PDB file of N, CA and C in Angstrom:
ATOM      1  N   UNK A   1     -16.099   0.193  -5.248  1.00  0.00           N
ATOM      2  CA  UNK A   1     -17.045   0.380  -6.325  1.00  0.00           C
ATOM      3  C   UNK A   1     -18.098   1.401  -5.877  1.00  0.00           C
ATOM      4  N   UNK A   2     -18.549   2.128  -6.842  1.00  0.00           N
ATOM      5  CA  UNK A   2     -19.700   3.004  -6.643  1.00  0.00           C
ATOM      6  C   UNK A   2     -20.611   2.751  -7.832  1.00  0.00           C
ATOM      7  N   UNK A   3     -21.694   2.041  -7.574  1.00  0.00           N
ATOM      8  CA  UNK A   3     -22.535   1.598  -8.679  1.00  0.00           C
ATOM      9  C   UNK A   3     -21.752   0.617  -9.536  1.00  0.00           C
ATOM     10  N   UNK A   4     -21.620   0.909 -10.793  1.00  0.00           N
ATOM     11  CA  UNK A   4     -20.856   0.070 -11.723  1.00  0.00           C
ATOM     12  C   UNK A   4     -19.429   0.571 -11.909  1.00  0.00           C
ATOM     13  N   UNK A   5     -19.077   1.671 -11.265  1.00  0.00           N
ATOM     14  CA  UNK A   5     -17.771   2.308 -11.465  1.00  0.00           C
ATOM     15  C   UNK A   5     -16.739   1.808 -10.451  1.00  0.00           C
ATOM     16  N   UNK A   6     -15.589   1.395 -10.948  1.00  0.00           N
ATOM     17  CA  UNK A   6     -14.490   0.973 -10.077  1.00  0.00           C
ATOM     18  C   UNK A   6     -13.720   2.211  -9.644  1.00  0.00           C
ATOM     19  N   UNK A   7     -13.654   2.426  -8.332  1.00  0.00           N
ATOM     20  CA  UNK A   7     -12.931   3.578  -7.791  1.00  0.00           C
ATOM     21  C   UNK A   7     -11.460   3.283  -7.617  1.00  0.00           C
ATOM     22  N   UNK A   8     -11.140   2.028  -7.310  1.00  0.00           N
ATOM     23  CA  UNK A   8      -9.758   1.633  -7.095  1.00  0.00           C
ATOM     24  C   UNK A   8      -9.704   0.167  -6.722  1.00  0.00           C
ATOM     25  N   UNK A   9      -8.478  -0.309  -6.548  1.00  0.00           N
ATOM     26  CA  UNK A   9      -8.284  -1.708  -6.161  1.00  0.00           C
ATOM     27  C   UNK A   9      -6.899  -1.867  -5.561  1.00  0.00           C
ATOM     28  N   UNK A  10      -6.702  -2.994  -4.891  1.00  0.00           N
ATOM     29  CA  UNK A  10      -5.361  -3.366  -4.459  1.00  0.00           C
ATOM     30  C   UNK A  10      -5.197  -4.866  -4.577  1.00  0.00           C
ATOM     31  N   UNK A  11      -3.943  -5.289  -4.631  1.00  0.00           N
ATOM     32  CA  UNK A  11      -3.626  -6.711  -4.720  1.00  0.00           C
ATOM     33  C   UNK A  11      -2.465  -6.986  -3.780  1.00  0.00           C
ATOM     34  N   UNK A  12      -2.600  -8.037  -2.976  1.00  0.00           N
ATOM     35  CA  UNK A  12      -1.539  -8.428  -2.060  1.00  0.00           C
ATOM     36  C   UNK A  12      -1.179  -9.888  -2.282  1.00  0.00           C
ATOM     37  N   UNK A  13       0.054 -10.211  -1.924  1.00  0.00           N
ATOM     38  CA  UNK A  13       0.539 -11.584  -1.932  1.00  0.00           C
ATOM     39  C   UNK A  13       0.981 -11.900  -0.512  1.00  0.00           C
ATOM     40  N   UNK A  14       0.452 -12.970   0.046  1.00  0.00           N
ATOM     41  CA  UNK A  14       0.819 -13.352   1.406  1.00  0.00           C
ATOM     42  C   UNK A  14       1.884 -14.427   1.353  1.00  0.00           C
ATOM     43  N   UNK A  15       3.075 -14.088   1.880  1.00  0.00           N
ATOM     44  CA  UNK A  15       4.156 -15.055   2.003  1.00  0.00           C
ATOM     45  C   UNK A  15       4.288 -15.485   3.453  1.00  0.00           C
ATOM     46  N   UNK A  16       5.290 -16.289   3.746  1.00  0.00           N
ATOM     47  CA  UNK A  16       5.490 -16.762   5.120  1.00  0.00           C
ATOM     48  C   UNK A  16       5.934 -15.647   6.057  1.00  0.00           C
ATOM     49  N   UNK A  17       6.742 -14.735   5.563  1.00  0.00           N
ATOM     50  CA  UNK A  17       7.318 -13.708   6.428  1.00  0.00           C
ATOM     51  C   UNK A  17       6.720 -12.321   6.220  1.00  0.00           C
ATOM     52  N   UNK A  18       5.934 -12.134   5.145  1.00  0.00           N
ATOM     53  CA  UNK A  18       5.419 -10.792   4.878  1.00  0.00           C
ATOM     54  C   UNK A  18       4.221 -10.842   3.943  1.00  0.00           C
ATOM     55  N   UNK A  19       3.505  -9.748   3.967  1.00  0.00           N
ATOM     56  CA  UNK A  19       2.461  -9.480   3.009  1.00  0.00           C
ATOM     57  C   UNK A  19       3.076  -8.486   2.030  1.00  0.00           C
ATOM     58  N   UNK A  20       2.993  -8.753   0.747  1.00  0.00           N
ATOM     59  CA  UNK A  20       3.563  -7.830  -0.231  1.00  0.00           C
ATOM     60  C   UNK A  20       2.417  -7.151  -0.960  1.00  0.00           C
ATOM     61  N   UNK A  21       2.419  -5.821  -0.921  1.00  0.00           N
ATOM     62  CA  UNK A  21       1.410  -5.042  -1.617  1.00  0.00           C
ATOM     63  C   UNK A  21       1.882  -4.865  -3.063  1.00  0.00           C
ATOM     64  N   UNK A  22       1.301  -5.666  -3.948  1.00  0.00           N
ATOM     65  CA  UNK A  22       1.709  -5.643  -5.344  1.00  0.00           C
ATOM     66  C   UNK A  22       1.186  -4.414  -6.080  1.00  0.00           C
ATOM     67  N   UNK A  23      -0.048  -4.049  -5.798  1.00  0.00           N
ATOM     68  CA  UNK A  23      -0.683  -2.921  -6.483  1.00  0.00           C
ATOM     69  C   UNK A  23      -1.646  -2.219  -5.538  1.00  0.00           C
ATOM     70  N   UNK A  24      -1.678  -0.902  -5.637  1.00  0.00           N
ATOM     71  CA  UNK A  24      -2.704  -0.083  -5.006  1.00  0.00           C
ATOM     72  C   UNK A  24      -2.992   1.030  -5.995  1.00  0.00           C
ATOM     73  N   UNK A  25      -4.184   1.024  -6.551  1.00  0.00           N
ATOM     74  CA  UNK A  25      -4.542   2.000  -7.577  1.00  0.00           C
ATOM     75  C   UNK A  25      -5.876   2.633  -7.237  1.00  0.00           C
ATOM     76  N   UNK A  26      -5.914   3.955  -7.299  1.00  0.00           N
ATOM     77  CA  UNK A  26      -7.144   4.705  -7.135  1.00  0.00           C
ATOM     78  C   UNK A  26      -7.294   5.571  -8.388  1.00  0.00           C
ATOM     79  N   UNK A  27      -8.441   5.469  -9.031  1.00  0.00           N
ATOM     80  CA  UNK A  27      -8.714   6.285 -10.202  1.00  0.00           C
ATOM     81  C   UNK A  27      -8.416   7.748  -9.845  1.00  0.00           C
ATOM     82  N   UNK A  28      -7.639   8.460 -10.663  1.00  0.00           N
ATOM     83  CA  UNK A  28      -7.251   9.837 -10.320  1.00  0.00           C
ATOM     84  C   UNK A  28      -8.421  10.754  -9.956  1.00  0.00           C
ATOM     85  N   UNK A  29      -9.579  10.560 -10.554  1.00  0.00           N
ATOM     86  CA  UNK A  29     -10.701  11.449 -10.216  1.00  0.00           C
ATOM     87  C   UNK A  29     -11.263  11.178  -8.822  1.00  0.00           C
ATOM     88  N   UNK A  30     -10.832  10.078  -8.182  1.00  0.00           N
ATOM     89  CA  UNK A  30     -11.289   9.760  -6.833  1.00  0.00           C
ATOM     90  C   UNK A  30     -10.162   9.850  -5.795  1.00  0.00           C
ATOM     91  N   UNK A  31      -8.975  10.256  -6.209  1.00  0.00           N
ATOM     92  CA  UNK A  31      -7.859  10.376  -5.272  1.00  0.00           C
ATOM     93  C   UNK A  31      -8.098  11.540  -4.314  1.00  0.00           C
ATOM     94  N   UNK A  32      -7.523  11.425  -3.124  1.00  0.00           N
ATOM     95  CA  UNK A  32      -7.655  12.479  -2.125  1.00  0.00           C
ATOM     96  C   UNK A  32      -8.941  12.414  -1.330  1.00  0.00           C
ATOM     97  N   UNK A  33      -9.668  11.299  -1.429  1.00  0.00           N
ATOM     98  CA  UNK A  33     -10.944  11.149  -0.712  1.00  0.00           C
ATOM     99  C   UNK A  33     -10.882  10.079   0.369  1.00  0.00           C
ATOM    100  N   UNK A  34      -9.689   9.568   0.651  1.00  0.00           N
ATOM    101  CA  UNK A  34      -9.529   8.582   1.713  1.00  0.00           C
ATOM    102  C   UNK A  34      -9.709   7.137   1.276  1.00  0.00           C
ATOM    103  N   UNK A  35      -9.957   6.910   0.004  1.00  0.00           N
ATOM    104  CA  UNK A  35     -10.172   5.547  -0.482  1.00  0.00           C
ATOM    105  C   UNK A  35      -8.888   4.726  -0.363  1.00  0.00           C
ATOM    106  N   UNK A  36      -7.761   5.309  -0.758  1.00  0.00           N
ATOM    107  CA  UNK A  36      -6.479   4.610  -0.665  1.00  0.00           C
ATOM    108  C   UNK A  36      -6.141   4.245   0.774  1.00  0.00           C
ATOM    109  N   UNK A  37      -6.417   5.146   1.697  1.00  0.00           N
ATOM    110  CA  UNK A  37      -6.159   4.877   3.114  1.00  0.00           C
ATOM    111  C   UNK A  37      -7.033   3.733   3.605  1.00  0.00           C
ATOM    112  N   UNK A  38      -8.297   3.715   3.189  1.00  0.00           N
ATOM    113  CA  UNK A  38      -9.183   2.619   3.590  1.00  0.00           C
ATOM    114  C   UNK A  38      -8.683   1.281   3.055  1.00  0.00           C
ATOM    115  N   UNK A  39      -8.252   1.256   1.800  1.00  0.00           N
ATOM    116  CA  UNK A  39      -7.727   0.008   1.233  1.00  0.00           C
ATOM    117  C   UNK A  39      -6.444  -0.406   1.936  1.00  0.00           C
ATOM    118  N   UNK A  40      -5.580   0.568   2.221  1.00  0.00           N
ATOM    119  CA  UNK A  40      -4.331   0.274   2.912  1.00  0.00           C
ATOM    120  C   UNK A  40      -4.603  -0.241   4.328  1.00  0.00           C
ATOM    121  N   UNK A  41      -5.572   0.331   5.013  1.00  0.00           N
ATOM    122  CA  UNK A  41      -5.924  -0.149   6.350  1.00  0.00           C
ATOM    123  C   UNK A  41      -6.468  -1.573   6.300  1.00  0.00           C
ATOM    124  N   UNK A  42      -7.187  -1.906   5.248  1.00  0.00           N
ATOM    125  CA  UNK A  42      -7.674  -3.278   5.091  1.00  0.00           C
ATOM    126  C   UNK A  42      -6.493  -4.232   4.928  1.00  0.00           C
ATOM    127  N   UNK A  43      -5.502  -3.846   4.123  1.00  0.00           N
ATOM    128  CA  UNK A  43      -4.298  -4.670   3.954  1.00  0.00           C
ATOM    129  C   UNK A  43      -3.568  -4.815   5.294  1.00  0.00           C
ATOM    130  N   UNK A  44      -3.521  -3.746   6.093  1.00  0.00           N
ATOM    131  CA  UNK A  44      -2.873  -3.819   7.405  1.00  0.00           C
ATOM    132  C   UNK A  44      -3.599  -4.819   8.307  1.00  0.00           C
ATOM    133  N   UNK A  45      -4.913  -4.859   8.237  1.00  0.00           N
ATOM    134  CA  UNK A  45      -5.669  -5.819   9.032  1.00  0.00           C
ATOM    135  C   UNK A  45      -5.343  -7.253   8.622  1.00  0.00           C
ATOM    136  N   UNK A  46      -5.193  -7.484   7.336  1.00  0.00           N
ATOM    137  CA  UNK A  46      -4.795  -8.811   6.851  1.00  0.00           C
ATOM    138  C   UNK A  46      -3.422  -9.172   7.409  1.00  0.00           C
ATOM    139  N   UNK A  47      -2.507  -8.210   7.406  1.00  0.00           N
ATOM    140  CA  UNK A  47      -1.166  -8.447   7.938  1.00  0.00           C
ATOM    141  C   UNK A  47      -1.222  -8.769   9.431  1.00  0.00           C
ATOM    142  N   UNK A  48      -2.037  -8.043  10.170  1.00  0.00           N
ATOM    143  CA  UNK A  48      -2.145  -8.275  11.609  1.00  0.00           C
ATOM    144  C   UNK A  48      -2.706  -9.662  11.907  1.00  0.00           C
ATOM    145  N   UNK A  49      -3.735 -10.061  11.184  1.00  0.00           N
ATOM    146  CA  UNK A  49      -4.329 -11.383  11.379  1.00  0.00           C
ATOM    147  C   UNK A  49      -3.298 -12.477  11.120  1.00  0.00           C
ATOM    148  N   UNK A  50      -2.407 -12.223  10.172  1.00  0.00           N
ATOM    149  CA  UNK A  50      -1.386 -13.203   9.803  1.00  0.00           C
ATOM    150  C   UNK A  50      -0.058 -12.970  10.517  1.00  0.00           C
ATOM    151  N   UNK A  51      -0.046 -12.023  11.485  1.00  0.00           N
ATOM    152  CA  UNK A  51       1.132 -11.732  12.289  1.00  0.00           C
ATOM    153  C   UNK A  51       2.372 -11.448  11.430  1.00  0.00           C
ATOM    154  N   UNK A  52       2.196 -10.572  10.473  1.00  0.00           N
ATOM    155  CA  UNK A  52       3.294 -10.216   9.579  1.00  0.00           C
ATOM    156  C   UNK A  52       3.251  -8.724   9.275  1.00  0.00           C
ATOM    157  N   UNK A  53       4.243  -8.243   8.588  1.00  0.00           N
ATOM    158  CA  UNK A  53       4.273  -6.861   8.145  1.00  0.00           C
ATOM    159  C   UNK A  53       3.892  -6.778   6.680  1.00  0.00           C
ATOM    160  N   UNK A  54       4.012  -5.578   6.134  1.00  0.00           N
ATOM    161  CA  UNK A  54       3.731  -5.352   4.719  1.00  0.00           C
ATOM    162  C   UNK A  54       4.960  -4.724   4.082  1.00  0.00           C
ATOM    163  N   UNK A  55       5.304  -5.185   2.900  1.00  0.00           N
ATOM    164  CA  UNK A  55       6.339  -4.545   2.101  1.00  0.00           C
ATOM    165  C   UNK A  55       5.740  -4.145   0.763  1.00  0.00           C
ATOM    166  N   UNK A  56       6.317  -3.100   0.185  1.00  0.00           N
ATOM    167  CA  UNK A  56       5.872  -2.632  -1.126  1.00  0.00           C
ATOM    168  C   UNK A  56       6.978  -1.841  -1.788  1.00  0.00           C
ATOM    169  N   UNK A  57       6.850  -1.694  -3.090  1.00  0.00           N
ATOM    170  CA  UNK A  57       7.746  -0.850  -3.870  1.00  0.00           C
ATOM    171  C   UNK A  57       6.920   0.279  -4.465  1.00  0.00           C
ATOM    172  N   UNK A  58       7.481   1.489  -4.456  1.00  0.00           N
ATOM    173  CA  UNK A  58       6.822   2.654  -5.042  1.00  0.00           C
ATOM    174  C   UNK A  58       7.806   3.344  -5.973  1.00  0.00           C
ATOM    175  N   UNK A  59       7.328   3.725  -7.142  1.00  0.00           N
ATOM    176  CA  UNK A  59       8.188   4.433  -8.077  1.00  0.00           C
ATOM    177  C   UNK A  59       8.733   5.698  -7.423  1.00  0.00           C
ATOM    178  N   UNK A  60      10.026   5.944  -7.601  1.00  0.00           N
ATOM    179  CA  UNK A  60      10.649   7.142  -7.048  1.00  0.00           C
ATOM    180  C   UNK A  60       9.977   8.386  -7.611  1.00  0.00           C
ATOM    181  N   UNK A  61      10.010   9.437  -6.827  1.00  0.00           N
ATOM    182  CA  UNK A  61       9.519  10.756  -7.219  1.00  0.00           C
ATOM    183  C   UNK A  61       8.037  10.780  -7.569  1.00  0.00           C
ATOM    184  N   UNK A  62       7.259   9.899  -6.963  1.00  0.00           N
ATOM    185  CA  UNK A  62       5.803   9.914  -7.138  1.00  0.00           C
ATOM    186  C   UNK A  62       5.156  10.312  -5.822  1.00  0.00           C
ATOM    187  N   UNK A  63       3.966  10.851  -5.893  1.00  0.00           N
ATOM    188  CA  UNK A  63       3.239  11.262  -4.683  1.00  0.00           C
ATOM    189  C   UNK A  63       2.970  10.087  -3.754  1.00  0.00           C
ATOM    190  N   UNK A  64       2.948   8.893  -4.299  1.00  0.00           N
ATOM    191  CA  UNK A  64       2.659   7.718  -3.475  1.00  0.00           C
ATOM    192  C   UNK A  64       3.679   7.544  -2.350  1.00  0.00           C
ATOM    193  N   UNK A  65       4.912   8.015  -2.544  1.00  0.00           N
ATOM    194  CA  UNK A  65       5.936   7.879  -1.503  1.00  0.00           C
ATOM    195  C   UNK A  65       5.532   8.614  -0.230  1.00  0.00           C
ATOM    196  N   UNK A  66       5.030   9.831  -0.359  1.00  0.00           N
ATOM    197  CA  UNK A  66       4.603  10.568   0.834  1.00  0.00           C
ATOM    198  C   UNK A  66       3.332   9.945   1.423  1.00  0.00           C
ATOM    199  N   UNK A  67       2.470   9.386   0.571  1.00  0.00           N
ATOM    200  CA  UNK A  67       1.271   8.692   1.044  1.00  0.00           C
ATOM    201  C   UNK A  67       1.655   7.520   1.931  1.00  0.00           C
ATOM    202  N   UNK A  68       2.587   6.679   1.466  1.00  0.00           N
ATOM    203  CA  UNK A  68       2.989   5.521   2.264  1.00  0.00           C
ATOM    204  C   UNK A  68       3.699   5.950   3.546  1.00  0.00           C
ATOM    205  N   UNK A  69       4.566   6.951   3.456  1.00  0.00           N
ATOM    206  CA  UNK A  69       5.255   7.434   4.664  1.00  0.00           C
ATOM    207  C   UNK A  69       4.263   7.958   5.693  1.00  0.00           C
ATOM    208  N   UNK A  70       3.256   8.688   5.234  1.00  0.00           N
ATOM    209  CA  UNK A  70       2.270   9.245   6.167  1.00  0.00           C
ATOM    210  C   UNK A  70       1.362   8.164   6.760  1.00  0.00           C
ATOM    211  N   UNK A  71       1.375   6.975   6.175  1.00  0.00           N
ATOM    212  CA  UNK A  71       0.576   5.857   6.685  1.00  0.00           C
ATOM    213  C   UNK A  71       1.428   4.833   7.425  1.00  0.00           C
ATOM    214  N   UNK A  72       2.593   5.266   7.915  1.00  0.00           N
ATOM    215  CA  UNK A  72       3.393   4.433   8.804  1.00  0.00           C
ATOM    216  C   UNK A  72       4.416   3.524   8.147  1.00  0.00           C
ATOM    217  N   UNK A  73       4.614   3.647   6.848  1.00  0.00           N
ATOM    218  CA  UNK A  73       5.623   2.831   6.164  1.00  0.00           C
ATOM    219  C   UNK A  73       6.979   3.516   6.260  1.00  0.00           C
ATOM    220  N   UNK A  74       8.013   2.695   6.401  1.00  0.00           N
ATOM    221  CA  UNK A  74       9.380   3.193   6.532  1.00  0.00           C
ATOM    222  C   UNK A  74      10.177   2.729   5.316  1.00  0.00           C
ATOM    223  N   UNK A  75      10.904   3.653   4.723  1.00  0.00           N
ATOM    224  CA  UNK A  75      11.748   3.303   3.582  1.00  0.00           C
ATOM    225  C   UNK A  75      12.906   2.446   4.069  1.00  0.00           C
ATOM    226  N   UNK A  76      13.071   1.268   3.455  1.00  0.00           N
ATOM    227  CA  UNK A  76      14.133   0.350   3.891  1.00  0.00           C
ATOM    228  C   UNK A  76      15.145   0.064   2.790  1.00  0.00           C
ATOM    229  N   UNK A  77      14.952   0.635   1.602  1.00  0.00           N
ATOM    230  CA  UNK A  77      15.896   0.415   0.515  1.00  0.00           C
ATOM    231  C   UNK A  77      15.390   1.042  -0.758  1.00  0.00           C
ATOM    232  N   UNK A  78      16.180   0.884  -1.789  1.00  0.00           N
ATOM    233  CA  UNK A  78      15.780   1.401  -3.091  1.00  0.00           C
ATOM    234  C   UNK A  78      16.513   0.670  -4.200  1.00  0.00           C
ATOM    235  N   UNK A  79      15.908   0.719  -5.367  1.00  0.00           N
ATOM    236  CA  UNK A  79      16.542   0.191  -6.576  1.00  0.00           C
ATOM    237  C   UNK A  79      16.612   1.350  -7.566  1.00  0.00           C
ATOM    238  N   UNK A  80      16.960   1.058  -8.782  1.00  0.00           N
ATOM    239  CA  UNK A  80      17.118   2.126  -9.765  1.00  0.00           C
ATOM    240  C   UNK A  80      15.840   2.958  -9.927  1.00  0.00           C
ATOM    241  N   UNK A  81      14.689   2.315  -9.911  1.00  0.00           N
ATOM    242  CA  UNK A  81      13.434   3.015 -10.183  1.00  0.00           C
ATOM    243  C   UNK A  81      12.480   3.114  -8.996  1.00  0.00           C
ATOM    244  N   UNK A  82      12.665   2.263  -7.986  1.00  0.00           N
ATOM    245  CA  UNK A  82      11.695   2.148  -6.897  1.00  0.00           C
ATOM    246  C   UNK A  82      12.313   2.380  -5.530  1.00  0.00           C
ATOM    247  N   UNK A  83      11.463   2.811  -4.597  1.00  0.00           N
ATOM    248  CA  UNK A  83      11.782   2.812  -3.173  1.00  0.00           C
ATOM    249  C   UNK A  83      11.081   1.619  -2.556  1.00  0.00           C
ATOM    250  N   UNK A  84      11.736   0.954  -1.623  1.00  0.00           N
ATOM    251  CA  UNK A  84      11.162  -0.194  -0.923  1.00  0.00           C
ATOM    252  C   UNK A  84      10.748   0.257   0.475  1.00  0.00           C
ATOM    253  N   UNK A  85       9.505  -0.055   0.844  1.00  0.00           N
ATOM    254  CA  UNK A  85       8.944   0.331   2.133  1.00  0.00           C
ATOM    255  C   UNK A  85       8.480  -0.890   2.907  1.00  0.00           C
ATOM    256  N   UNK A  86       8.454  -0.738   4.241  1.00  0.00           N
ATOM    257  CA  UNK A  86       7.951  -1.791   5.118  1.00  0.00           C
ATOM    258  C   UNK A  86       7.076  -1.152   6.197  1.00  0.00           C
ATOM    259  N   UNK A  87       6.009  -1.853   6.535  1.00  0.00           N
ATOM    260  CA  UNK A  87       5.150  -1.483   7.652  1.00  0.00           C
ATOM    261  C   UNK A  87       5.022  -2.676   8.564  1.00  0.00           C
ATOM    262  N   UNK A  88       5.162  -2.425   9.850  1.00  0.00           N
ATOM    263  CA  UNK A  88       4.950  -3.453  10.871  1.00  0.00           C
ATOM    264  C   UNK A  88       4.397  -2.744  12.075  1.00  0.00           C
ATOM    265  N   UNK A  89       3.267  -3.245  12.594  1.00  0.00           N
ATOM    266  CA  UNK A  89       2.702  -2.610  13.775  1.00  0.00           C
ATOM    267  C   UNK A  89       3.674  -2.757  14.932  1.00  0.00           C
ATOM    268  N   UNK A  90       3.856  -1.654  15.672  1.00  0.00           N
ATOM    269  CA  UNK A  90       4.792  -1.684  16.794  1.00  0.00           C
ATOM    270  C   UNK A  90       4.178  -2.265  18.027  1.00  0.00           C
TER     271      UNK A  90
END
């Protein structure tokens, strides 16, 4: 948040074996300023505390795929519309 304005948000679900990143959204006018990376790093900290990795789905052919890859996520599968990624600290 900046004042009353929402810059972005994320939502995770913690399961027994993984943290699933359900949503990560940054308002387009605030993209490219490191906000998404900060939110993603916060999710990684939650995963580390819970001794698990993170999985997520990203729509194919979207810029988010390169964002997740550059932040240490590895593509582990795909469906008709989405790529499936996983992150686990080495």
